[in-house]
C-alpha atoms as a PDB file:
ATOM      1  CA  UNK A   1       2.731  19.733 -12.090  1.00  0.00           C
ATOM      2  CA  UNK A   2       4.164  23.141 -12.858  1.00  0.00           C
ATOM      3  CA  UNK A   3       7.927  23.423 -13.110  1.00  0.00           C
ATOM      4  CA  UNK A   4       9.792  26.235 -11.362  1.00  0.00           C
ATOM      5  CA  UNK A   5      11.720  28.671 -13.520  1.00  0.00           C
ATOM      6  CA  UNK A   6      15.005  27.096 -14.740  1.00  0.00           C
ATOM      7  CA  UNK A   7      17.259  29.351 -12.636  1.00  0.00           C
ATOM      8  CA  UNK A   8      15.352  28.859  -9.358  1.00  0.00           C
ATOM      9  CA  UNK A   9      15.964  26.219  -6.750  1.00  0.00           C
ATOM     10  CA  UNK A  10      13.119  23.783  -6.346  1.00  0.00           C
ATOM     11  CA  UNK A  11      11.516  23.927  -2.931  1.00  0.00           C
ATOM     12  CA  UNK A  12      11.164  20.963  -0.623  1.00  0.00           C
ATOM     13  CA  UNK A  13       7.409  21.172  -1.009  1.00  0.00           C
ATOM     14  CA  UNK A  14       7.747  21.056  -4.826  1.00  0.00           C
ATOM     15  CA  UNK A  15      10.000  17.998  -4.578  1.00  0.00           C
ATOM     16  CA  UNK A  16       7.465  16.308  -2.270  1.00  0.00           C
ATOM     17  CA  UNK A  17       4.664  17.031  -4.762  1.00  0.00           C
ATOM     18  CA  UNK A  18       6.778  15.628  -7.594  1.00  0.00           C
ATOM     19  CA  UNK A  19       7.582  12.474  -5.608  1.00  0.00           C
ATOM     20  CA  UNK A  20       3.920  11.960  -4.768  1.00  0.00           C
ATOM     21  CA  UNK A  21       2.927  12.445  -8.431  1.00  0.00           C
ATOM     22  CA  UNK A  22       5.482   9.837  -9.498  1.00  0.00           C
ATOM     23  CA  UNK A  23       4.325   7.393  -6.832  1.00  0.00           C
ATOM     24  CA  UNK A  24       0.717   7.894  -7.950  1.00  0.00           C
ATOM     25  CA  UNK A  25       1.659   7.298 -11.620  1.00  0.00           C
ATOM     26  CA  UNK A  26       3.461   4.047 -10.660  1.00  0.00           C
ATOM     27  CA  UNK A  27       0.519   2.824  -8.603  1.00  0.00           C
ATOM     28  CA  UNK A  28      -1.951   3.581 -11.421  1.00  0.00           C
ATOM     29  CA  UNK A  29       0.211   1.687 -13.932  1.00  0.00           C
ATOM     30  CA  UNK A  30       0.515  -1.324 -11.630  1.00  0.00           C
ATOM     31  CA  UNK A  31      -3.242  -1.313 -11.072  1.00  0.00           C
ATOM     32  CA  UNK A  32      -3.825  -1.261 -14.854  1.00  0.00           C
ATOM     33  CA  UNK A  33      -1.195  -3.913 -15.585  1.00  0.00           C
ATOM     34  CA  UNK A  34      -0.691  -6.160 -12.534  1.00  0.00           C
ATOM     35  CA  UNK A  35       1.818  -8.336 -14.420  1.00  0.00           C
ATOM     36  CA  UNK A  36       4.258  -5.426 -14.253  1.00  0.00           C
ATOM     37  CA  UNK A  37       4.548  -6.044 -10.519  1.00  0.00           C
ATOM     38  CA  UNK A  38       7.153  -8.808 -10.969  1.00  0.00           C
ATOM     39  CA  UNK A  39       9.101  -6.627 -13.399  1.00  0.00           C
ATOM     40  CA  UNK A  40       9.043  -3.761 -10.842  1.00  0.00           C
ATOM     41  CA  UNK A  41      10.295  -6.128  -8.124  1.00  0.00           C
ATOM     42  CA  UNK A  42      13.148  -7.351 -10.341  1.00  0.00           C
ATOM     43  CA  UNK A  43      14.208  -3.813 -11.241  1.00  0.00           C
ATOM     44  CA  UNK A  44      14.037  -2.675  -7.638  1.00  0.00           C
ATOM     45  CA  UNK A  45      16.208  -5.615  -6.485  1.00  0.00           C
ATOM     46  CA  UNK A  46      18.791  -4.640  -9.077  1.00  0.00           C
ATOM     47  CA  UNK A  47      18.747  -0.978  -7.985  1.00  0.00           C
ATOM     48  CA  UNK A  48      19.156  -2.046  -4.337  1.00  0.00           C
ATOM     49  CA  UNK A  49      22.116  -4.317  -5.194  1.00  0.00           C
ATOM     50  CA  UNK A  50      23.766  -1.486  -7.084  1.00  0.00           C
ATOM     51  CA  UNK A  51      23.449   0.974  -4.167  1.00  0.00           C
ATOM     52  CA  UNK A  52      23.889  -1.386  -1.196  1.00  0.00           C
ATOM     53  CA  UNK A  53      24.490  -0.489   1.607  1.00  0.00           C
ATOM     54  CA  UNK A  54      23.568   3.148   0.795  1.00  0.00           C
ATOM     55  CA  UNK A  55      20.083   2.394  -0.547  1.00  0.00           C
ATOM     56  CA  UNK A  56      18.011   5.605  -0.788  1.00  0.00           C
ATOM     57  CA  UNK A  57      14.938   5.671   1.459  1.00  0.00           C
ATOM     58  CA  UNK A  58      12.425   5.778  -1.394  1.00  0.00           C
ATOM     59  CA  UNK A  59      13.832   2.585  -2.872  1.00  0.00           C
ATOM     60  CA  UNK A  60      13.641   0.873   0.529  1.00  0.00           C
ATOM     61  CA  UNK A  61      10.048   2.098   0.914  1.00  0.00           C
ATOM     62  CA  UNK A  62       9.065   0.818  -2.545  1.00  0.00           C
ATOM     63  CA  UNK A  63      10.685  -2.502  -1.678  1.00  0.00           C
ATOM     64  CA  UNK A  64       8.441  -2.781   1.335  1.00  0.00           C
ATOM     65  CA  UNK A  65       5.382  -1.784  -0.700  1.00  0.00           C
ATOM     66  CA  UNK A  66       6.076  -4.175  -3.549  1.00  0.00           C
ATOM     67  CA  UNK A  67       7.111  -7.143  -1.431  1.00  0.00           C
ATOM     68  CA  UNK A  68       4.999  -6.905   1.695  1.00  0.00           C
ATOM     69  CA  UNK A  69       1.804  -4.950   1.164  1.00  0.00           C
ATOM     70  CA  UNK A  70      -1.361  -6.401  -0.291  1.00  0.00           C
ATOM     71  CA  UNK A  71      -1.966  -4.923  -3.755  1.00  0.00           C
ATOM     72  CA  UNK A  72      -5.016  -3.001  -2.603  1.00  0.00           C
ATOM     73  CA  UNK A  73      -2.964  -1.136   0.000  1.00  0.00           C
ATOM     74  CA  UNK A  74      -0.211  -0.413  -2.587  1.00  0.00           C
ATOM     75  CA  UNK A  75      -2.784   1.119  -4.920  1.00  0.00           C
ATOM     76  CA  UNK A  76      -3.996   3.684  -2.376  1.00  0.00           C
ATOM     77  CA  UNK A  77      -1.370   6.086  -3.803  1.00  0.00           C
ATOM     78  CA  UNK A  78      -3.270   6.376  -7.072  1.00  0.00           C
END
């Protein structure tokens, strides 16, 4: 992903592309190393505890993905 010049504000579209790229990288890593799933769940629980009740939407969404979805559906991001 190409970064915008340092003195320019990043667009909403750029931020969306960055978020998608990060989600895809996470999904690929979990597919390659399924044992990391429990580690990811533990870290996410800690992050949620630290921010409760103001938990950012992406963390809530990842909580749903990691705790509720079948792995095959989680990996569709990659």
